[in-house]
Amino acid sequence: MLGEILQTFSDLIVIEKPVKKELEITRYLLKYQNRPVLFENVDGWKVAGNIWSTRERIAGFLNTSREELIHLIAEAMENPSPYRTVKDAPFLKNSTKDFSLLELPVPKYYPGDGGPYFTSAMVIAKDENGFVNTSFHRMMVRDEKTVAIRLVPRHLYAMWREKAERGEELDVRIVVGNPVHLLLAGATSTSYGVSELEIASKLSELAFGRPVDVIELGGIPVPVESEFVFEAKITPELVEEGPFVDITGTYDKVRKQPLVVFERMYHVDKPIFHALLSGGYEHYMLMGLPKEPQIYASVKRVVPKVHGVRLTEGGAMWLHAIVSITKQHDGDGKNAILAAFAGHPSLKHVVVVDGDIDIYDDREVEWAIATRFQADRDLVIVPNARGSSLDPSAERSLTAKWGIDATKPLKGGEKFERAKL
């Protein structure tokens, strides 16, 4: 469970004094962005944040290295495997319909937020053909039993809309407090019909040698490792949702979004609520890491030898990337730039470097730009391209994309080499 996971981290920060869920949690999470933080008393509940805020911590938990993490995630995305259904789960020990969302430790992170927000919650739904979808959705608490859920036009939205057009509600399970293999899987973008729970199960097999265990709760599979589970229904009714700070640290606008009614709450003994700071490093990791294998696969289709891909923290792990390749032909650098944009359409800026550059070291990347790049020769600009709605500088999601080819030419490349002992 989450408490056991936290105790394995040597850099854990423990806050023993009472902390308010409105704004005060945020101050600690911003102060210790690179370290997991456990709050012992938030309105009588335990809360944790920044749990998965570094690549190294995620990789270590999954028994791999920082460099191999991209391949582990890619393997799970490409080869999902069945999860295992069991008969019991720790969260079943505590079950009630007598609860109030207002009494839970759901934080209000920033002064301009529309209200307290679930940010780490994943929603699990099953369609009429048996397909199980698991995905992240922010949810603004409105009162004791209802939230407004942000649905982008993807799989859960399609499932909800099909029901809503018939005036029906969509039955869902909402989970909070899960290990990182489940969170990473929930953040992947897959084809409709590919279950994120099966991606999580493959990740678990690769990392720990066992599948994900689930329990059927009203016909919907729920991971047994969840700290909190809620039975809920997404209704056809639309209400105002927002504003809220998204991954770029800027406020997203108010929209009409579906109303969700919470009906029953389950939780483990002494549960820990996962507070995912919007626009924080943990948000970057969980949202960005599943996109890196997509960029890697896209670039590899045009350049056979790709060493690594990194979405950078400076670009909120969403808008900026670095790609390392070995060129076989002059022009491979520019092809890699265009392929990276195709692999992650929200990408706005990419730097392509040679294999001798450490993509996790910003100084090395800047050195490659300083010594191997000329703007009139090596800059690629794609004007008026479809970009990210999360970029506040974009106009109606249209942006100018630009790439830097900071690779050495194949001929005469020796003068670009750094001196070595």
Protein backbone atom coordinates (compact mmCIF):
# COMPACT_ATOMS: atom_id res chain seq x y z
CA MET A 1 0.00 0.00 0.00
CA LEU A 2 0.98 3.66 -0.31
CA GLY A 3 2.25 3.92 3.26
CA GLU A 4 4.61 1.01 2.74
CA ILE A 5 5.87 2.52 -0.53
CA LEU A 6 6.55 5.89 1.12
CA GLN A 7 8.60 4.29 3.88
CA THR A 8 11.03 2.90 1.30
CA PHE A 9 12.04 6.42 0.22
CA SER A 10 15.08 7.69 2.13
CA ASP A 11 14.31 11.31 1.17
CA LEU A 12 10.75 11.32 2.55
CA ILE A 13 9.69 14.56 4.26
CA VAL A 14 7.20 14.02 7.11
CA ILE A 15 5.06 16.96 8.28
CA GLU A 16 3.66 16.06 11.69
CA LYS A 17 1.86 19.29 12.61
CA PRO A 18 -1.70 19.93 11.34
CA VAL A 19 -1.78 21.38 7.81
CA LYS A 20 -4.75 23.03 6.10
CA LYS A 21 -5.94 21.52 2.82
CA GLU A 22 -6.59 24.97 1.36
CA LEU A 23 -3.34 26.46 -0.01
CA GLU A 24 -1.09 25.37 2.89
CA ILE A 25 -0.44 21.92 1.38
CA THR A 26 0.70 23.66 -1.80
CA ARG A 27 3.38 25.66 0.03
CA TYR A 28 5.05 22.47 1.26
CA LEU A 29 4.76 20.69 -2.08
CA LEU A 30 6.36 23.66 -3.84
CA LYS A 31 9.15 23.85 -1.26
CA TYR A 32 10.05 20.15 -1.63
CA GLN A 33 9.28 19.55 -5.32
CA ASN A 34 11.93 16.83 -5.70
CA ARG A 35 11.05 15.00 -2.48
CA PRO A 36 7.99 12.99 -1.40
CA VAL A 37 6.01 14.67 1.37
CA LEU A 38 3.76 12.92 3.89
CA PHE A 39 1.33 15.09 5.86
CA GLU A 40 0.28 13.30 9.06
CA ASN A 41 -2.75 15.49 9.78
CA VAL A 42 -4.86 17.24 7.16
CA ASP A 43 -8.30 17.58 8.73
CA GLY A 44 -7.58 14.29 10.50
CA TRP A 45 -6.47 12.45 7.34
CA LYS A 46 -3.05 11.47 6.02
CA VAL A 47 -2.06 13.05 2.70
CA ALA A 48 0.99 12.53 0.47
CA GLY A 49 2.31 14.47 -2.48
CA ASN A 50 5.37 14.64 -4.76
CA ILE A 51 5.47 10.84 -4.47
CA TRP A 52 6.54 10.30 -8.08
CA SER A 53 8.22 13.65 -8.78
CA THR A 54 11.53 12.36 -10.22
CA ARG A 55 12.49 9.89 -12.93
CA GLU A 56 14.95 8.24 -10.62
CA ARG A 57 12.33 7.50 -7.96
CA ILE A 58 9.90 6.09 -10.53
CA ALA A 59 12.60 4.01 -12.19
CA GLY A 60 13.87 2.71 -8.85
CA PHE A 61 10.40 1.59 -7.78
CA LEU A 62 9.93 -0.20 -11.11
CA ASN A 63 13.32 -1.91 -10.77
CA THR A 64 14.86 -0.24 -13.80
CA SER A 65 17.17 2.69 -14.63
CA ARG A 66 16.36 6.23 -15.67
CA GLU A 67 17.57 5.49 -19.20
CA GLU A 68 15.65 2.21 -19.53
CA LEU A 69 12.37 3.57 -18.16
CA ILE A 70 11.22 4.68 -21.62
CA HIS A 71 11.67 1.15 -22.97
CA LEU A 72 9.83 -0.40 -20.02
CA ILE A 73 6.82 1.86 -20.62
CA ALA A 74 6.99 1.23 -24.37
CA GLU A 75 7.00 -2.55 -23.87
CA ALA A 76 3.90 -2.32 -21.67
CA MET A 77 2.08 -0.05 -24.13
CA GLU A 78 2.88 -2.31 -27.08
CA ASN A 79 2.17 -5.63 -25.33
CA PRO A 80 -0.58 -5.28 -22.72
CA SER A 81 -1.32 -8.38 -20.66
CA PRO A 82 -4.40 -9.53 -18.70
CA TYR A 83 -4.93 -8.46 -15.14
CA ARG A 84 -5.91 -10.99 -12.48
CA THR A 85 -9.31 -10.96 -10.76
CA VAL A 86 -9.28 -11.77 -7.03
CA LYS A 87 -12.01 -11.93 -4.39
CA ASP A 88 -10.88 -9.43 -1.76
CA ALA A 89 -9.17 -6.07 -1.41
CA PRO A 90 -7.96 -4.05 1.60
CA PHE A 91 -10.20 -1.09 0.72
CA LEU A 92 -13.31 -3.23 1.29
CA LYS A 93 -12.67 -3.06 5.04
CA ASN A 94 -14.28 0.39 5.21
CA SER A 95 -17.43 1.07 3.21
CA THR A 96 -20.03 3.78 3.69
CA LYS A 97 -22.65 5.92 1.99
CA ASP A 98 -22.50 8.34 4.90
CA PHE A 99 -19.63 10.58 3.81
CA SER A 100 -19.06 14.13 2.64
CA LEU A 101 -16.57 15.13 -0.03
CA LEU A 102 -16.22 18.43 1.84
CA GLU A 103 -14.80 16.57 4.85
CA LEU A 104 -12.16 14.70 2.82
CA PRO A 105 -8.65 16.16 2.45
CA VAL A 106 -9.24 17.30 -1.14
CA PRO A 107 -6.95 20.34 -1.56
CA LYS A 108 -7.56 23.73 -3.01
CA TYR A 109 -4.12 24.26 -4.51
CA TYR A 110 -4.12 27.89 -5.69
CA PRO A 111 -6.17 30.99 -4.77
CA GLY A 112 -7.80 31.22 -8.21
CA ASP A 113 -8.98 27.60 -8.32
CA GLY A 114 -12.72 27.12 -8.72
CA GLY A 115 -12.75 24.93 -5.61
CA PRO A 116 -11.09 21.89 -4.03
CA TYR A 117 -9.86 19.45 -6.70
CA PHE A 118 -9.27 15.74 -7.05
CA THR A 119 -6.13 15.66 -9.21
CA SER A 120 -4.67 12.17 -8.81
CA ALA A 121 -8.00 10.38 -9.29
CA MET A 122 -8.47 7.90 -12.11
CA VAL A 123 -11.89 6.98 -13.46
CA ILE A 124 -12.64 3.38 -14.47
CA ALA A 125 -15.59 2.64 -16.75
CA LYS A 126 -16.82 -0.30 -18.81
CA ASP A 127 -18.73 0.04 -22.06
CA GLU A 128 -21.54 -2.21 -23.29
CA ASN A 129 -19.05 -4.40 -25.17
CA GLY A 130 -16.94 -5.04 -22.06
CA PHE A 131 -14.09 -2.63 -22.84
CA VAL A 132 -12.58 -1.20 -19.64
CA ASN A 133 -11.16 2.33 -19.80
CA THR A 134 -9.01 3.92 -17.10
CA SER A 135 -8.04 7.58 -17.32
CA PHE A 136 -7.08 10.66 -15.30
CA HIS A 137 -9.65 13.42 -14.87
CA ARG A 138 -9.54 16.45 -12.64
CA MET A 139 -12.70 16.85 -10.58
CA MET A 140 -13.85 20.01 -8.80
CA VAL A 141 -15.76 19.39 -5.58
CA ARG A 142 -19.10 21.26 -5.58
CA ASP A 143 -20.81 19.95 -2.45
CA GLU A 144 -21.01 16.89 -0.19
CA LYS A 145 -21.68 14.39 -2.96
CA THR A 146 -21.04 16.00 -6.37
CA VAL A 147 -18.11 17.12 -8.51
CA ALA A 148 -17.66 18.62 -11.96
CA ILE A 149 -15.41 16.41 -14.10
CA ARG A 150 -13.20 17.65 -16.95
CA LEU A 151 -13.73 15.36 -19.94
CA VAL A 152 -11.63 15.92 -23.04
CA PRO A 153 -13.00 14.27 -26.22
CA ARG A 154 -11.38 10.89 -25.77
CA HIS A 155 -12.50 7.48 -24.59
CA LEU A 156 -14.36 8.26 -21.35
CA TYR A 157 -16.00 11.21 -23.07
CA ALA A 158 -17.25 8.90 -25.84
CA MET A 159 -18.60 6.43 -23.28
CA TRP A 160 -20.33 9.21 -21.33
CA ARG A 161 -21.78 10.88 -24.42
CA GLU A 162 -23.30 7.65 -25.70
CA LYS A 163 -25.15 7.33 -22.40
CA ALA A 164 -25.97 11.04 -22.06
CA GLU A 165 -27.61 11.19 -25.50
CA ARG A 166 -30.06 8.57 -24.23
CA GLY A 167 -30.59 10.49 -20.99
CA GLU A 168 -28.71 7.83 -19.01
CA GLU A 169 -25.92 7.95 -16.42
CA LEU A 170 -22.52 6.29 -16.82
CA ASP A 171 -21.60 4.04 -13.90
CA VAL A 172 -17.92 4.50 -12.90
CA ARG A 173 -15.43 3.73 -10.17
CA ILE A 174 -13.06 6.50 -9.05
CA VAL A 175 -9.76 5.48 -7.44
CA VAL A 176 -7.25 7.56 -5.47
CA GLY A 177 -3.87 6.49 -4.09
CA ASN A 178 -2.32 4.01 -6.51
CA PRO A 179 1.25 2.85 -7.21
CA VAL A 180 3.05 4.40 -10.17
CA HIS A 181 2.62 1.54 -12.67
CA LEU A 182 -1.14 2.10 -12.49
CA LEU A 183 -0.76 5.88 -12.71
CA LEU A 184 1.53 5.75 -15.74
CA ALA A 185 -0.83 3.36 -17.50
CA GLY A 186 -3.79 5.62 -16.75
CA ALA A 187 -1.95 8.51 -18.44
CA THR A 188 -1.25 6.65 -21.70
CA SER A 189 -3.01 7.49 -24.96
CA THR A 190 -4.14 4.23 -26.55
CA SER A 191 -6.56 3.10 -29.21
CA TYR A 192 -10.14 2.54 -28.13
CA GLY A 193 -10.37 -1.08 -27.04
CA VAL A 194 -6.89 -1.24 -25.47
CA SER A 195 -7.34 -1.32 -21.70
CA GLU A 196 -5.01 0.80 -19.59
CA LEU A 197 -5.43 -1.74 -16.78
CA GLU A 198 -3.79 -4.31 -19.06
CA ILE A 199 -0.93 -1.88 -19.76
CA ALA A 200 -0.53 -1.50 -15.99
CA SER A 201 -0.59 -5.28 -15.62
CA LYS A 202 2.24 -5.63 -18.16
CA LEU A 203 4.25 -2.95 -16.35
CA SER A 204 3.73 -4.86 -13.11
CA GLU A 205 4.86 -8.12 -14.72
CA LEU A 206 7.99 -6.47 -16.12
CA ALA A 207 8.85 -4.73 -12.85
CA PHE A 208 7.70 -7.23 -10.22
CA GLY A 209 6.96 -10.50 -12.03
CA ARG A 210 3.23 -10.45 -11.30
CA PRO A 211 0.09 -9.02 -12.93
CA VAL A 212 -2.15 -6.32 -11.47
CA ASP A 213 -4.81 -7.71 -9.15
CA VAL A 214 -8.33 -6.31 -9.41
CA ILE A 215 -11.65 -6.97 -7.72
CA GLU A 216 -14.98 -6.71 -9.50
CA LEU A 217 -17.00 -3.95 -7.87
CA GLY A 218 -20.45 -3.89 -9.40
CA GLY A 219 -19.07 -5.42 -12.58
CA ILE A 220 -16.21 -2.92 -12.94
CA PRO A 221 -12.62 -4.04 -12.20
CA VAL A 222 -10.86 -1.97 -9.53
CA PRO A 223 -7.16 -2.32 -8.58
CA VAL A 224 -6.85 -3.83 -5.13
CA GLU A 225 -3.94 -1.50 -4.31
CA SER A 226 -6.19 1.60 -4.30
CA GLU A 227 -6.31 3.61 -1.06
CA PHE A 228 -9.74 5.17 -1.78
CA VAL A 229 -12.47 3.89 -4.11
CA PHE A 230 -15.73 5.64 -4.91
CA GLU A 231 -18.82 4.32 -6.64
CA ALA A 232 -20.18 7.14 -8.77
CA LYS A 233 -22.25 8.05 -11.81
CA ILE A 234 -21.46 10.62 -14.50
CA THR A 235 -24.76 12.30 -15.30
CA PRO A 236 -25.93 14.01 -18.53
CA GLU A 237 -26.18 17.31 -16.61
CA LEU A 238 -23.57 19.99 -17.37
CA VAL A 239 -22.23 22.42 -14.76
CA GLU A 240 -19.41 24.94 -14.60
CA GLU A 241 -15.92 23.54 -14.02
CA GLY A 242 -12.82 25.64 -13.36
CA PRO A 243 -10.76 27.72 -13.43
CA PHE A 244 -7.86 25.46 -12.57
CA VAL A 245 -4.08 25.48 -12.93
CA ASP A 246 -2.95 23.00 -15.57
CA ILE A 247 0.46 21.49 -16.34
CA THR A 248 2.01 24.75 -17.62
CA GLY A 249 1.29 26.48 -14.30
CA THR A 250 -1.26 28.79 -15.94
CA TYR A 251 -5.02 28.83 -15.36
CA ASP A 252 -7.33 26.87 -17.63
CA LYS A 253 -10.70 28.45 -18.39
CA VAL A 254 -14.19 27.75 -17.03
CA ARG A 255 -16.22 25.26 -19.11
CA LYS A 256 -19.52 23.44 -18.93
CA GLN A 257 -18.65 19.88 -17.93
CA PRO A 258 -20.54 16.80 -16.71
CA LEU A 259 -21.81 16.50 -13.16
CA VAL A 260 -20.70 13.41 -11.20
CA VAL A 261 -22.68 12.06 -8.25
CA PHE A 262 -20.69 10.09 -5.63
CA GLU A 263 -22.67 7.30 -3.99
CA ARG A 264 -20.38 5.14 -1.85
CA MET A 265 -16.85 5.42 -0.46
CA TYR A 266 -14.41 2.63 0.35
CA HIS A 267 -10.96 3.01 1.86
CA VAL A 268 -8.19 1.01 3.47
CA ASP A 269 -7.39 1.25 7.17
CA LYS A 270 -5.44 4.48 7.79
CA PRO A 271 -5.67 5.58 4.13
CA ILE A 272 -3.34 8.09 2.48
CA PHE A 273 -4.89 10.60 0.08
CA HIS A 274 -2.68 11.35 -2.92
CA ALA A 275 -2.47 15.12 -3.51
CA LEU A 276 -1.06 15.66 -7.01
CA LEU A 277 0.12 19.26 -7.28
CA SER A 278 -1.09 20.72 -10.56
CA GLY A 279 1.82 22.14 -12.53
CA GLY A 280 4.31 20.43 -10.20
CA TYR A 281 7.08 17.97 -11.03
CA GLU A 282 4.92 14.95 -10.19
CA HIS A 283 2.29 16.22 -12.62
CA TYR A 284 5.04 16.57 -15.24
CA MET A 285 6.26 13.00 -14.74
CA LEU A 286 2.91 11.25 -14.80
CA MET A 287 1.64 13.20 -17.80
CA GLY A 288 4.88 13.40 -19.76
CA LEU A 289 6.61 10.03 -19.32
CA PRO A 290 4.00 8.03 -21.31
CA LYS A 291 4.49 10.42 -24.25
CA GLU A 292 8.24 9.79 -24.54
CA PRO A 293 7.85 6.25 -25.98
CA GLN A 294 5.49 7.65 -28.62
CA ILE A 295 8.11 10.20 -29.69
CA TYR A 296 10.81 7.52 -29.60
CA ALA A 297 8.79 5.17 -31.84
CA SER A 298 7.97 7.94 -34.30
CA VAL A 299 11.61 9.07 -34.63
CA LYS A 300 12.84 5.48 -34.91
CA ARG A 301 10.73 5.03 -38.03
CA VAL A 302 12.88 7.61 -39.85
CA VAL A 303 16.25 7.29 -38.04
CA PRO A 304 17.20 3.68 -37.14
CA LYS A 305 19.43 4.50 -34.16
CA VAL A 306 17.66 6.52 -31.46
CA HIS A 307 19.40 6.66 -28.09
CA GLY A 308 16.80 8.42 -25.98
CA VAL A 309 13.99 10.94 -25.65
CA ARG A 310 13.38 13.38 -22.84
CA LEU A 311 10.48 15.76 -22.38
CA THR A 312 12.04 18.55 -20.35
CA GLU A 313 10.89 19.96 -17.04
CA GLY A 314 11.44 23.49 -18.39
CA GLY A 315 8.83 22.73 -21.04
CA ALA A 316 6.47 21.27 -18.40
CA MET A 317 7.30 17.82 -19.83
CA TRP A 318 4.74 18.53 -22.50
CA LEU A 319 5.89 21.24 -24.91
CA HIS A 320 9.71 20.77 -25.21
CA ALA A 321 11.76 17.65 -25.95
CA ILE A 322 15.33 16.49 -26.55
CA VAL A 323 16.05 13.54 -28.85
CA SER A 324 19.40 11.75 -29.16
CA ILE A 325 20.26 9.94 -32.40
CA THR A 326 23.13 8.60 -34.46
CA LYS A 327 22.89 9.94 -37.99
CA GLN A 328 23.34 7.73 -41.01
CA HIS A 329 22.70 10.53 -43.51
CA ASP A 330 22.94 14.30 -43.38
CA GLY A 331 19.36 15.40 -43.04
CA ASP A 332 18.52 12.78 -40.42
CA GLY A 333 18.47 15.48 -37.77
CA LYS A 334 15.74 17.40 -39.57
CA ASN A 335 13.76 14.23 -40.24
CA ALA A 336 13.98 13.42 -36.54
CA ILE A 337 12.58 16.86 -35.70
CA LEU A 338 9.55 16.36 -37.94
CA ALA A 339 9.01 12.82 -36.65
CA ALA A 340 9.09 14.03 -33.05
CA PHE A 341 6.32 16.51 -33.82
CA ALA A 342 4.30 13.70 -35.39
CA GLY A 343 4.84 11.43 -32.37
CA HIS A 344 3.53 14.00 -29.88
CA PRO A 345 1.32 16.59 -31.61
CA SER A 346 1.35 18.91 -28.58
CA LEU A 347 5.13 19.26 -28.89
CA LYS A 348 6.24 22.82 -29.66
CA HIS A 349 10.04 22.71 -29.55
CA VAL A 350 12.56 19.90 -30.04
CA VAL A 351 16.35 19.72 -29.96
CA VAL A 352 18.06 16.80 -31.73
CA VAL A 353 21.56 15.90 -30.52
CA ASP A 354 24.21 13.25 -31.11
CA GLY A 355 24.66 10.18 -28.95
CA ASP A 356 27.62 11.70 -27.07
CA ILE A 357 25.33 14.29 -25.45
CA ASP A 358 23.64 13.49 -22.13
CA ILE A 359 20.00 14.44 -22.76
CA TYR A 360 19.35 14.61 -19.00
CA ASP A 361 21.98 17.35 -18.57
CA ASP A 362 20.69 20.73 -19.76
CA ARG A 363 24.24 22.15 -19.88
CA GLU A 364 25.37 19.46 -22.30
CA VAL A 365 22.35 20.09 -24.52
CA GLU A 366 23.03 23.82 -24.53
CA TRP A 367 26.69 23.10 -25.31
CA ALA A 368 25.61 21.08 -28.36
CA ILE A 369 23.46 23.99 -29.52
CA ALA A 370 26.32 26.42 -28.93
CA THR A 371 28.90 24.41 -30.89
CA ARG A 372 26.98 22.33 -33.47
CA PHE A 373 24.08 24.53 -34.54
CA GLN A 374 23.73 27.42 -37.00
CA ALA A 375 20.31 29.06 -37.19
CA ASP A 376 20.35 29.76 -40.94
CA ARG A 377 21.20 26.13 -41.67
CA ASP A 378 19.89 23.96 -38.85
CA LEU A 379 16.65 25.58 -37.69
CA VAL A 380 13.29 24.07 -38.70
CA ILE A 381 10.14 26.19 -38.30
CA VAL A 382 6.63 24.88 -38.91
CA PRO A 383 4.18 27.81 -38.79
CA ASN A 384 0.47 27.59 -37.98
CA ALA A 385 0.58 23.96 -36.84
CA ARG A 386 -1.89 22.33 -34.51
CA GLY A 387 -0.37 22.43 -31.04
CA SER A 388 -1.44 22.16 -27.43
CA SER A 389 -4.50 23.80 -25.92
CA LEU A 390 -2.42 24.04 -22.73
CA ASP A 391 -0.01 26.55 -24.33
CA PRO A 392 -1.26 30.03 -23.38
CA SER A 393 0.71 31.61 -26.24
CA ALA A 394 -1.08 29.53 -28.89
CA GLU A 395 -3.96 31.04 -30.85
CA ARG A 396 -6.91 28.62 -30.96
CA SER A 397 -4.34 25.84 -30.35
CA LEU A 398 -2.37 26.94 -33.46
CA THR A 399 1.32 27.40 -32.81
CA ALA A 400 4.66 27.81 -34.58
CA LYS A 401 6.73 24.68 -33.96
CA TRP A 402 10.49 24.88 -34.15
CA GLY A 403 13.28 22.37 -34.06
CA ILE A 404 17.04 22.67 -33.59
CA ASP A 405 19.33 20.21 -35.36
CA ALA A 406 22.35 20.27 -33.03
CA THR A 407 24.03 17.22 -34.57
CA LYS A 408 27.49 17.06 -36.12
CA PRO A 409 27.85 16.78 -39.90
CA LEU A 410 28.96 13.34 -41.06
CA LYS A 411 32.01 14.78 -42.84
CA GLY A 412 34.50 16.76 -40.81
CA GLY A 413 32.79 15.86 -37.58
CA GLU A 414 36.06 15.49 -35.69
CA LYS A 415 36.34 19.26 -35.12
CA PHE A 416 33.09 19.13 -33.14
CA GLU A 417 34.43 16.59 -30.65
CA ARG A 418 35.16 17.62 -27.08
CA ALA A 419 38.67 17.10 -25.78
CA LYS A 420 39.10 14.05 -23.56
CA LEU A 421 41.89 12.75 -21.35
